[in-house]
């Protein structure tokens, strides 16, 4: 997927799903400045389902979104996220847009519904990128391990 430097929404958006694999993609020049980023996992509401989501072995370069190259956002009026695995992704250069320093990962879980088993492992993050934003008060079993960055 190559956005050819034209503003777009996200590379991939998951708003409702069970057993979703996003694997082995090359995502470049994606996301308008006002959008989340290359891969956005963000349910539309309490009736949505975010279960068994696998984001694996993707190459992301020049994601211009304001949130993160890969984001998981569970708002106040959204369903929980269960078994989300983000593994083995390579996130390269991300330009600073409108004074916003890019992030590789953005996790915001503020729903009254508790999320379970969010696992982020073995990802590689390029230089000049903030690695993580984490703001959660409703999650059980968040694992962050073996991620490397410059």
C-alpha atoms as a PDB file:
ATOM      1  CA  UNK A   1       0.000   0.000   0.000  1.00  0.00           C
ATOM      2  CA  UNK A   2       1.545   3.256  -1.068  1.00  0.00           C
ATOM      3  CA  UNK A   3      -0.289   6.511  -0.560  1.00  0.00           C
ATOM      4  CA  UNK A   4       2.117   8.284  -2.942  1.00  0.00           C
ATOM      5  CA  UNK A   5       2.251  11.237  -0.541  1.00  0.00           C
ATOM      6  CA  UNK A   6      -1.436  11.992  -1.052  1.00  0.00           C
ATOM      7  CA  UNK A   7      -3.545  12.530   2.078  1.00  0.00           C
ATOM      8  CA  UNK A   8      -5.555   9.465   2.965  1.00  0.00           C
ATOM      9  CA  UNK A   9      -7.277   8.107   6.028  1.00  0.00           C
ATOM     10  CA  UNK A  10      -5.386   5.090   7.399  1.00  0.00           C
ATOM     11  CA  UNK A  11      -3.652   2.204   5.699  1.00  0.00           C
ATOM     12  CA  UNK A  12      -5.828  -0.311   7.561  1.00  0.00           C
ATOM     13  CA  UNK A  13      -8.676   0.401   9.993  1.00  0.00           C
ATOM     14  CA  UNK A  14     -10.240  -2.243  12.208  1.00  0.00           C
ATOM     15  CA  UNK A  15     -13.496  -0.962  13.682  1.00  0.00           C
ATOM     16  CA  UNK A  16     -15.210  -4.301  14.307  1.00  0.00           C
ATOM     17  CA  UNK A  17     -13.737  -7.765  13.963  1.00  0.00           C
ATOM     18  CA  UNK A  18     -12.937 -11.193  15.360  1.00  0.00           C
ATOM     19  CA  UNK A  19      -9.902 -13.108  14.085  1.00  0.00           C
ATOM     20  CA  UNK A  20      -8.356 -10.437  11.866  1.00  0.00           C
ATOM     21  CA  UNK A  21      -4.832 -10.915  10.467  1.00  0.00           C
ATOM     22  CA  UNK A  22      -2.864  -7.935   9.152  1.00  0.00           C
ATOM     23  CA  UNK A  23       0.361  -9.617   8.114  1.00  0.00           C
ATOM     24  CA  UNK A  24       3.286  -9.118   5.725  1.00  0.00           C
ATOM     25  CA  UNK A  25       2.238  -5.777   4.268  1.00  0.00           C
ATOM     26  CA  UNK A  26       4.376  -2.853   3.132  1.00  0.00           C
ATOM     27  CA  UNK A  27       2.573   0.354   4.099  1.00  0.00           C
ATOM     28  CA  UNK A  28       4.187   3.618   2.966  1.00  0.00           C
ATOM     29  CA  UNK A  29       3.217   7.294   2.672  1.00  0.00           C
ATOM     30  CA  UNK A  30      -0.100   6.674   4.418  1.00  0.00           C
ATOM     31  CA  UNK A  31      -2.429   8.762   6.596  1.00  0.00           C
ATOM     32  CA  UNK A  32      -3.365  12.399   6.462  1.00  0.00           C
ATOM     33  CA  UNK A  33      -2.051  14.575   9.271  1.00  0.00           C
ATOM     34  CA  UNK A  34      -5.417  14.550  11.047  1.00  0.00           C
ATOM     35  CA  UNK A  35      -5.782  10.737  10.932  1.00  0.00           C
ATOM     36  CA  UNK A  36      -4.416   8.111  13.354  1.00  0.00           C
ATOM     37  CA  UNK A  37      -1.782   6.307  11.231  1.00  0.00           C
ATOM     38  CA  UNK A  38      -0.892   3.274   9.144  1.00  0.00           C
ATOM     39  CA  UNK A  39      -2.821   0.673  11.186  1.00  0.00           C
ATOM     40  CA  UNK A  40      -5.635   1.866  13.451  1.00  0.00           C
ATOM     41  CA  UNK A  41      -7.579  -0.499  15.709  1.00  0.00           C
ATOM     42  CA  UNK A  42     -10.460   1.562  17.047  1.00  0.00           C
ATOM     43  CA  UNK A  43     -14.003   0.270  17.607  1.00  0.00           C
ATOM     44  CA  UNK A  44     -16.961   2.471  16.748  1.00  0.00           C
ATOM     45  CA  UNK A  45     -18.887   1.709  19.936  1.00  0.00           C
ATOM     46  CA  UNK A  46     -20.008  -0.794  22.530  1.00  0.00           C
ATOM     47  CA  UNK A  47     -21.637  -3.027  19.898  1.00  0.00           C
ATOM     48  CA  UNK A  48     -18.358  -3.469  18.030  1.00  0.00           C
ATOM     49  CA  UNK A  49     -16.046  -6.398  18.649  1.00  0.00           C
ATOM     50  CA  UNK A  50     -12.227  -6.235  18.806  1.00  0.00           C
ATOM     51  CA  UNK A  51     -11.101  -9.824  19.413  1.00  0.00           C
ATOM     52  CA  UNK A  52      -8.166 -11.895  18.193  1.00  0.00           C
ATOM     53  CA  UNK A  53      -6.479  -9.168  16.158  1.00  0.00           C
ATOM     54  CA  UNK A  54      -2.996 -10.044  14.834  1.00  0.00           C
ATOM     55  CA  UNK A  55      -0.717  -7.322  13.426  1.00  0.00           C
ATOM     56  CA  UNK A  56       2.390  -9.183  12.357  1.00  0.00           C
ATOM     57  CA  UNK A  57       5.513  -8.760  10.188  1.00  0.00           C
ATOM     58  CA  UNK A  58       4.465  -5.517   8.508  1.00  0.00           C
ATOM     59  CA  UNK A  59       6.850  -2.855   7.181  1.00  0.00           C
ATOM     60  CA  UNK A  60       5.654   0.707   7.840  1.00  0.00           C
ATOM     61  CA  UNK A  61       7.459   3.731   6.412  1.00  0.00           C
ATOM     62  CA  UNK A  62       6.430   7.413   6.411  1.00  0.00           C
ATOM     63  CA  UNK A  63       3.186   7.064   8.340  1.00  0.00           C
ATOM     64  CA  UNK A  64       2.068  10.685   8.743  1.00  0.00           C
ATOM     65  CA  UNK A  65      -0.835  10.233  11.160  1.00  0.00           C
ATOM     66  CA  UNK A  66      -1.010  12.208  14.403  1.00  0.00           C
ATOM     67  CA  UNK A  67      -1.456   9.196  16.691  1.00  0.00           C
ATOM     68  CA  UNK A  68       0.992   6.390  15.878  1.00  0.00           C
ATOM     69  CA  UNK A  69       2.089   4.029  13.135  1.00  0.00           C
ATOM     70  CA  UNK A  70       0.095   1.324  14.943  1.00  0.00           C
ATOM     71  CA  UNK A  71      -2.630   2.409  17.332  1.00  0.00           C
ATOM     72  CA  UNK A  72      -5.136   0.736  19.609  1.00  0.00           C
ATOM     73  CA  UNK A  73      -7.693   3.250  20.860  1.00  0.00           C
ATOM     74  CA  UNK A  74     -10.555   2.128  23.072  1.00  0.00           C
ATOM     75  CA  UNK A  75     -12.610   5.188  23.963  1.00  0.00           C
ATOM     76  CA  UNK A  76     -15.028   5.776  26.826  1.00  0.00           C
ATOM     77  CA  UNK A  77     -18.028   4.382  24.970  1.00  0.00           C
ATOM     78  CA  UNK A  78     -16.365   1.475  23.209  1.00  0.00           C
ATOM     79  CA  UNK A  79     -16.097  -2.276  23.593  1.00  0.00           C
ATOM     80  CA  UNK A  80     -13.087  -3.942  25.173  1.00  0.00           C
ATOM     81  CA  UNK A  81     -10.189  -5.259  23.105  1.00  0.00           C
ATOM     82  CA  UNK A  82      -9.283  -8.886  23.745  1.00  0.00           C
ATOM     83  CA  UNK A  83      -6.249 -10.780  22.486  1.00  0.00           C
ATOM     84  CA  UNK A  84      -4.553  -8.130  20.353  1.00  0.00           C
ATOM     85  CA  UNK A  85      -1.062  -9.209  19.292  1.00  0.00           C
ATOM     86  CA  UNK A  86       1.392  -6.812  17.634  1.00  0.00           C
ATOM     87  CA  UNK A  87       4.499  -8.768  16.719  1.00  0.00           C
ATOM     88  CA  UNK A  88       7.559  -8.513  14.482  1.00  0.00           C
ATOM     89  CA  UNK A  89       6.719  -5.246  12.723  1.00  0.00           C
ATOM     90  CA  UNK A  90       9.373  -2.890  11.336  1.00  0.00           C
ATOM     91  CA  UNK A  91       8.554   0.810  11.652  1.00  0.00           C
ATOM     92  CA  UNK A  92      10.918   3.142   9.793  1.00  0.00           C
ATOM     93  CA  UNK A  93      11.018   6.877   9.186  1.00  0.00           C
ATOM     94  CA  UNK A  94       8.011   8.916  10.265  1.00  0.00           C
ATOM     95  CA  UNK A  95       8.033  12.650   9.481  1.00  0.00           C
ATOM     96  CA  UNK A  96       7.221  15.265  12.103  1.00  0.00           C
ATOM     97  CA  UNK A  97       3.950  16.851  11.019  1.00  0.00           C
ATOM     98  CA  UNK A  98       2.586  20.165  12.337  1.00  0.00           C
ATOM     99  CA  UNK A  99       4.934  20.013  15.319  1.00  0.00           C
ATOM    100  CA  UNK A 100       3.818  16.509  16.337  1.00  0.00           C
ATOM    101  CA  UNK A 101       6.671  14.081  16.983  1.00  0.00           C
ATOM    102  CA  UNK A 102       5.709  10.704  15.555  1.00  0.00           C
ATOM    103  CA  UNK A 103       5.143   7.607  17.680  1.00  0.00           C
ATOM    104  CA  UNK A 104       5.558   3.994  16.679  1.00  0.00           C
ATOM    105  CA  UNK A 105       2.761   2.757  18.963  1.00  0.00           C
ATOM    106  CA  UNK A 106      -0.178   4.486  20.602  1.00  0.00           C
ATOM    107  CA  UNK A 107      -2.298   2.687  23.181  1.00  0.00           C
ATOM    108  CA  UNK A 108      -5.235   4.446  24.806  1.00  0.00           C
ATOM    109  CA  UNK A 109      -7.738   2.309  26.678  1.00  0.00           C
ATOM    110  CA  UNK A 110     -10.260   4.304  28.675  1.00  0.00           C
ATOM    111  CA  UNK A 111     -13.440   2.261  28.347  1.00  0.00           C
ATOM    112  CA  UNK A 112     -15.410   0.994  31.316  1.00  0.00           C
ATOM    113  CA  UNK A 113     -15.092  -2.413  29.612  1.00  0.00           C
ATOM    114  CA  UNK A 114     -11.787  -4.055  30.602  1.00  0.00           C
ATOM    115  CA  UNK A 115      -9.482  -5.105  27.775  1.00  0.00           C
ATOM    116  CA  UNK A 116      -7.510  -8.337  28.114  1.00  0.00           C
ATOM    117  CA  UNK A 117      -4.266  -9.665  26.666  1.00  0.00           C
ATOM    118  CA  UNK A 118      -2.639  -6.945  24.595  1.00  0.00           C
ATOM    119  CA  UNK A 119       0.797  -8.264  23.601  1.00  0.00           C
ATOM    120  CA  UNK A 120       3.466  -6.130  21.871  1.00  0.00           C
ATOM    121  CA  UNK A 121       6.684  -8.040  21.152  1.00  0.00           C
ATOM    122  CA  UNK A 122       9.698  -8.209  18.830  1.00  0.00           C
ATOM    123  CA  UNK A 123       9.029  -4.984  16.912  1.00  0.00           C
ATOM    124  CA  UNK A 124      11.817  -2.814  15.446  1.00  0.00           C
ATOM    125  CA  UNK A 125      11.533   0.974  15.574  1.00  0.00           C
ATOM    126  CA  UNK A 126      13.673   3.312  13.441  1.00  0.00           C
ATOM    127  CA  UNK A 127      15.584   6.349  14.676  1.00  0.00           C
ATOM    128  CA  UNK A 128      13.866   9.649  15.411  1.00  0.00           C
ATOM    129  CA  UNK A 129      10.585   8.050  16.413  1.00  0.00           C
ATOM    130  CA  UNK A 130       9.095   8.184  19.897  1.00  0.00           C
ATOM    131  CA  UNK A 131       8.529   4.570  20.788  1.00  0.00           C
ATOM    132  CA  UNK A 132       5.313   4.435  22.826  1.00  0.00           C
ATOM    133  CA  UNK A 133       2.386   6.367  24.171  1.00  0.00           C
ATOM    134  CA  UNK A 134       0.456   4.452  26.794  1.00  0.00           C
ATOM    135  CA  UNK A 135      -2.630   5.699  28.613  1.00  0.00           C
ATOM    136  CA  UNK A 136      -4.737   2.909  30.047  1.00  0.00           C
ATOM    137  CA  UNK A 137      -6.828   2.371  33.117  1.00  0.00           C
ATOM    138  CA  UNK A 138      -8.879  -0.580  31.983  1.00  0.00           C
ATOM    139  CA  UNK A 139      -6.636  -3.435  30.894  1.00  0.00           C
ATOM    140  CA  UNK A 140      -5.571  -6.834  32.207  1.00  0.00           C
ATOM    141  CA  UNK A 141      -2.355  -8.475  31.003  1.00  0.00           C
ATOM    142  CA  UNK A 142      -0.481  -5.952  28.868  1.00  0.00           C
ATOM    143  CA  UNK A 143       2.855  -7.410  27.725  1.00  0.00           C
ATOM    144  CA  UNK A 144       5.559  -5.224  26.199  1.00  0.00           C
ATOM    145  CA  UNK A 145       8.791  -7.135  25.516  1.00  0.00           C
ATOM    146  CA  UNK A 146      11.779  -7.486  23.197  1.00  0.00           C
ATOM    147  CA  UNK A 147      11.031  -4.382  21.146  1.00  0.00           C
ATOM    148  CA  UNK A 148      14.102  -2.577  19.834  1.00  0.00           C
ATOM    149  CA  UNK A 149      14.689   0.946  18.607  1.00  0.00           C
ATOM    150  CA  UNK A 150      17.419   3.430  17.791  1.00  0.00           C
END
